[in-house]
Amino acid sequence: MLALVQRVASARVDIAGETVGAIGRGLLVFVCAEPDDTDALADRLAAKLLKLRIFADAAGKMNLDLAGVAGGLLVVSQFTLAADTRSGNRPGFAGAAPPEQGRRLYERLVQAAQRLHGSVATGRFGADMQVHLVNDGPVTIPMTLRG
């Protein structure tokens, strides 16, 4: 699974002018499933995201996780993370899981995160979304988990 993690002061997802998911301080995570990904991998990614220590402690060191700052998690599906730009000028997306598998793994990741952490918001899989964020730092971390 591919993820792009952004530490945010706030973030929200709007669809057709309506806010469908929003958080204050926390993590905005864009997620893309790949064809070989499994439920177990989605569960592992959820656990890793929640334990990622990228928030400052009292000494200013990135040492706290999401629970340590009582932060929110906003998870947004984004198949374009699998873009292949090696040739030509138009990206290819064959590296992304087919839509049905992508949706299932996205929902699995969200459910795993909700079991482990109280404050989880989402976008809507496959929708045309407008994502608004205030990146804190900025801190942006790409993640790749493989089985």
C-alpha atoms as a PDB file:
ATOM      1  CA  MET A   1       0.000   0.000   0.000  1.00  0.00           C
ATOM      2  CA  LEU A   2       1.087   3.511  -0.715  1.00  0.00           C
ATOM      3  CA  ALA A   3       0.422   6.409   1.613  1.00  0.00           C
ATOM      4  CA  LEU A   4       1.303  10.073   1.681  1.00  0.00           C
ATOM      5  CA  VAL A   5       1.124  11.360   5.246  1.00  0.00           C
ATOM      6  CA  GLN A   6       0.812  15.056   6.033  1.00  0.00           C
ATOM      7  CA  ARG A   7       0.941  16.472   9.526  1.00  0.00           C
ATOM      8  CA  VAL A   8      -1.766  19.119   9.573  1.00  0.00           C
ATOM      9  CA  ALA A   9      -3.078  21.890  11.774  1.00  0.00           C
ATOM     10  CA  SER A  10      -6.450  21.183  10.129  1.00  0.00           C
ATOM     11  CA  ALA A  11      -7.866  19.450   7.068  1.00  0.00           C
ATOM     12  CA  ARG A  12     -11.210  18.765   5.444  1.00  0.00           C
ATOM     13  CA  VAL A  13     -12.691  17.062   2.406  1.00  0.00           C
ATOM     14  CA  ASP A  14     -15.527  18.671   0.472  1.00  0.00           C
ATOM     15  CA  ILE A  15     -17.690  17.011  -2.168  1.00  0.00           C
ATOM     16  CA  ALA A  16     -20.034  19.208  -4.209  1.00  0.00           C
ATOM     17  CA  GLY A  17     -19.686  21.994  -1.648  1.00  0.00           C
ATOM     18  CA  GLU A  18     -20.467  19.764   1.350  1.00  0.00           C
ATOM     19  CA  THR A  19     -17.852  18.878   3.960  1.00  0.00           C
ATOM     20  CA  VAL A  20     -17.809  15.089   4.341  1.00  0.00           C
ATOM     21  CA  GLY A  21     -14.786  14.727   6.639  1.00  0.00           C
ATOM     22  CA  ALA A  22     -12.782  17.129   8.765  1.00  0.00           C
ATOM     23  CA  ILE A  23     -10.164  17.149  11.522  1.00  0.00           C
ATOM     24  CA  GLY A  24      -8.254  19.693  13.530  1.00  0.00           C
ATOM     25  CA  ARG A  25      -4.667  18.885  14.446  1.00  0.00           C
ATOM     26  CA  GLY A  26      -3.612  15.473  13.196  1.00  0.00           C
ATOM     27  CA  LEU A  27      -2.743  13.494  10.095  1.00  0.00           C
ATOM     28  CA  LEU A  28      -4.142  13.733   6.597  1.00  0.00           C
ATOM     29  CA  VAL A  29      -3.334  10.470   4.828  1.00  0.00           C
ATOM     30  CA  PHE A  30      -3.766   9.860   1.117  1.00  0.00           C
ATOM     31  CA  VAL A  31      -3.925   6.101   0.452  1.00  0.00           C
ATOM     32  CA  CYS A  32      -3.567   3.929  -2.651  1.00  0.00           C
ATOM     33  CA  ALA A  33      -3.947   0.153  -2.723  1.00  0.00           C
ATOM     34  CA  GLU A  34      -1.823  -1.876  -5.118  1.00  0.00           C
ATOM     35  CA  PRO A  35      -2.828  -5.175  -6.790  1.00  0.00           C
ATOM     36  CA  ASP A  36      -0.846  -7.428  -4.406  1.00  0.00           C
ATOM     37  CA  ASP A  37      -2.100  -5.726  -1.216  1.00  0.00           C
ATOM     38  CA  THR A  38      -4.025  -7.690   1.415  1.00  0.00           C
ATOM     39  CA  ASP A  39      -6.320  -7.093   4.373  1.00  0.00           C
ATOM     40  CA  ALA A  40      -3.381  -7.809   6.690  1.00  0.00           C
ATOM     41  CA  LEU A  41      -1.363  -5.089   4.969  1.00  0.00           C
ATOM     42  CA  ALA A  42      -4.219  -2.584   5.382  1.00  0.00           C
ATOM     43  CA  ASP A  43      -4.346  -3.443   9.097  1.00  0.00           C
ATOM     44  CA  ARG A  44      -0.557  -2.996   9.388  1.00  0.00           C
ATOM     45  CA  LEU A  45      -0.710   0.387   7.676  1.00  0.00           C
ATOM     46  CA  ALA A  46      -3.459   1.586  10.018  1.00  0.00           C
ATOM     47  CA  ALA A  47      -1.410   0.574  13.067  1.00  0.00           C
ATOM     48  CA  LYS A  48       1.749   2.167  11.677  1.00  0.00           C
ATOM     49  CA  LEU A  49       0.001   5.448  10.896  1.00  0.00           C
ATOM     50  CA  LEU A  50      -1.327   5.702  14.425  1.00  0.00           C
ATOM     51  CA  LYS A  51       2.107   5.013  15.930  1.00  0.00           C
ATOM     52  CA  LEU A  52       4.019   7.355  13.610  1.00  0.00           C
ATOM     53  CA  ARG A  53       5.925   9.724  15.888  1.00  0.00           C
ATOM     54  CA  ILE A  54       5.961  12.979  13.953  1.00  0.00           C
ATOM     55  CA  PHE A  55       4.509  15.437  16.474  1.00  0.00           C
ATOM     56  CA  ALA A  56       6.732  17.597  18.651  1.00  0.00           C
ATOM     57  CA  ASP A  57       7.171  16.815  22.329  1.00  0.00           C
ATOM     58  CA  ALA A  58       7.919  19.447  25.004  1.00  0.00           C
ATOM     59  CA  ALA A  59      11.545  19.584  23.814  1.00  0.00           C
ATOM     60  CA  GLY A  60      10.495  20.215  20.219  1.00  0.00           C
ATOM     61  CA  LYS A  61      11.563  16.762  19.007  1.00  0.00           C
ATOM     62  CA  MET A  62       9.317  14.677  16.734  1.00  0.00           C
ATOM     63  CA  ASN A  63       8.550  12.133  19.408  1.00  0.00           C
ATOM     64  CA  LEU A  64       4.766  11.966  19.842  1.00  0.00           C
ATOM     65  CA  ASP A  65       2.215   9.917  17.940  1.00  0.00           C
ATOM     66  CA  LEU A  66      -1.393  10.775  17.123  1.00  0.00           C
ATOM     67  CA  ALA A  67      -2.714   9.639  20.520  1.00  0.00           C
ATOM     68  CA  GLY A  68       0.006  11.662  22.248  1.00  0.00           C
ATOM     69  CA  VAL A  69      -1.454  14.869  20.821  1.00  0.00           C
ATOM     70  CA  ALA A  70      -5.113  13.756  20.821  1.00  0.00           C
ATOM     71  CA  GLY A  71      -5.090  14.298  17.068  1.00  0.00           C
ATOM     72  CA  GLY A  72      -7.490  13.334  14.344  1.00  0.00           C
ATOM     73  CA  LEU A  73      -6.922  11.122  11.324  1.00  0.00           C
ATOM     74  CA  LEU A  74      -8.381  12.005   7.914  1.00  0.00           C
ATOM     75  CA  VAL A  75      -8.030   9.189   5.361  1.00  0.00           C
ATOM     76  CA  VAL A  76      -8.541   9.945   1.664  1.00  0.00           C
ATOM     77  CA  SER A  77      -8.349   7.439  -1.198  1.00  0.00           C
ATOM     78  CA  GLN A  78      -6.017   8.541  -3.988  1.00  0.00           C
ATOM     79  CA  PHE A  79      -5.182   6.063  -6.756  1.00  0.00           C
ATOM     80  CA  THR A  80      -2.902   8.651  -8.378  1.00  0.00           C
ATOM     81  CA  LEU A  81      -0.210   7.809  -5.817  1.00  0.00           C
ATOM     82  CA  ALA A  82       0.519   4.815  -8.077  1.00  0.00           C
ATOM     83  CA  ALA A  83       1.250   7.067 -11.068  1.00  0.00           C
ATOM     84  CA  ASP A  84       3.934   5.809 -13.423  1.00  0.00           C
ATOM     85  CA  THR A  85       5.669   8.786 -15.028  1.00  0.00           C
ATOM     86  CA  ARG A  86       8.707   6.991 -16.462  1.00  0.00           C
ATOM     87  CA  SER A  87       7.697   7.471 -20.087  1.00  0.00           C
ATOM     88  CA  GLY A  88       5.761  10.121 -21.930  1.00  0.00           C
ATOM     89  CA  ASN A  89       3.901  12.992 -20.358  1.00  0.00           C
ATOM     90  CA  ARG A  90       0.681  11.249 -19.367  1.00  0.00           C
ATOM     91  CA  PRO A  91       0.926   9.179 -16.168  1.00  0.00           C
ATOM     92  CA  GLY A  92      -0.206   5.579 -16.184  1.00  0.00           C
ATOM     93  CA  PHE A  93      -2.078   4.069 -13.252  1.00  0.00           C
ATOM     94  CA  ALA A  94      -1.726   0.336 -13.864  1.00  0.00           C
ATOM     95  CA  GLY A  95       0.101   0.095 -10.519  1.00  0.00           C
ATOM     96  CA  ALA A  96      -3.092   0.885  -8.611  1.00  0.00           C
ATOM     97  CA  ALA A  97      -5.410  -1.901  -7.507  1.00  0.00           C
ATOM     98  CA  PRO A  98      -8.628  -2.325  -9.516  1.00  0.00           C
ATOM     99  CA  PRO A  99     -11.442  -0.144  -8.115  1.00  0.00           C
ATOM    100  CA  GLU A 100     -13.310  -2.930  -6.276  1.00  0.00           C
ATOM    101  CA  GLN A 101     -10.161  -4.155  -4.543  1.00  0.00           C
ATOM    102  CA  GLY A 102      -9.040  -0.581  -3.855  1.00  0.00           C
ATOM    103  CA  ARG A 103     -12.369   0.257  -2.221  1.00  0.00           C
ATOM    104  CA  ARG A 104     -12.317  -2.892  -0.076  1.00  0.00           C
ATOM    105  CA  LEU A 105      -8.770  -2.254   1.164  1.00  0.00           C
ATOM    106  CA  TYR A 106      -9.455   1.443   1.753  1.00  0.00           C
ATOM    107  CA  GLU A 107     -12.519   0.565   3.835  1.00  0.00           C
ATOM    108  CA  ARG A 108     -10.519  -2.107   5.696  1.00  0.00           C
ATOM    109  CA  LEU A 109      -7.829   0.466   6.544  1.00  0.00           C
ATOM    110  CA  VAL A 110     -10.438   2.945   7.778  1.00  0.00           C
ATOM    111  CA  GLN A 111     -12.183   0.296   9.922  1.00  0.00           C
ATOM    112  CA  ALA A 112      -8.862  -0.807  11.441  1.00  0.00           C
ATOM    113  CA  ALA A 113      -7.992   2.802  12.255  1.00  0.00           C
ATOM    114  CA  GLN A 114     -11.427   3.388  13.801  1.00  0.00           C
ATOM    115  CA  ARG A 115     -10.979   0.346  16.054  1.00  0.00           C
ATOM    116  CA  LEU A 116      -7.621   1.673  17.265  1.00  0.00           C
ATOM    117  CA  HIS A 117      -8.288   5.427  17.378  1.00  0.00           C
ATOM    118  CA  GLY A 118     -11.392   7.410  18.218  1.00  0.00           C
ATOM    119  CA  SER A 119     -11.121  10.328  15.834  1.00  0.00           C
ATOM    120  CA  VAL A 120     -11.133   9.100  12.206  1.00  0.00           C
ATOM    121  CA  ALA A 121     -12.700  10.987   9.307  1.00  0.00           C
ATOM    122  CA  THR A 122     -12.727  10.085   5.625  1.00  0.00           C
ATOM    123  CA  GLY A 123     -13.288  11.295   2.143  1.00  0.00           C
ATOM    124  CA  ARG A 124     -15.447   9.210  -0.200  1.00  0.00           C
ATOM    125  CA  PHE A 125     -13.860   6.517  -2.334  1.00  0.00           C
ATOM    126  CA  GLY A 126     -13.963   7.341  -6.040  1.00  0.00           C
ATOM    127  CA  ALA A 127     -15.554  10.761  -5.581  1.00  0.00           C
ATOM    128  CA  ASP A 128     -14.354  14.063  -7.015  1.00  0.00           C
ATOM    129  CA  MET A 129     -13.082  15.623  -3.792  1.00  0.00           C
ATOM    130  CA  GLN A 130     -11.635  18.965  -2.849  1.00  0.00           C
ATOM    131  CA  VAL A 131      -9.106  18.540  -0.049  1.00  0.00           C
ATOM    132  CA  HIS A 132      -8.275  21.574   2.067  1.00  0.00           C
ATOM    133  CA  LEU A 133      -5.367  21.442   4.468  1.00  0.00           C
ATOM    134  CA  VAL A 134      -3.018  23.500   6.543  1.00  0.00           C
ATOM    135  CA  ASN A 135       0.220  21.514   6.507  1.00  0.00           C
ATOM    136  CA  ASP A 136       1.980  21.821   9.862  1.00  0.00           C
ATOM    137  CA  GLY A 137       5.725  22.202   9.496  1.00  0.00           C
ATOM    138  CA  PRO A 138       5.442  21.369   6.660  1.00  0.00           C
ATOM    139  CA  VAL A 139       5.787  17.666   7.350  1.00  0.00           C
ATOM    140  CA  THR A 140       4.989  15.300   4.478  1.00  0.00           C
ATOM    141  CA  ILE A 141       6.094  11.662   4.549  1.00  0.00           C
ATOM    142  CA  PRO A 142       5.675   9.111   1.756  1.00  0.00           C
ATOM    143  CA  MET A 143       5.160   5.521   2.945  1.00  0.00           C
ATOM    144  CA  THR A 144       5.207   2.206   1.090  1.00  0.00           C
ATOM    145  CA  LEU A 145       4.202  -1.027   2.825  1.00  0.00           C
ATOM    146  CA  ARG A 146       4.620  -4.324   1.085  1.00  0.00           C
ATOM    147  CA  GLY A 147       3.528  -7.797   2.189  1.00  0.00           C
END
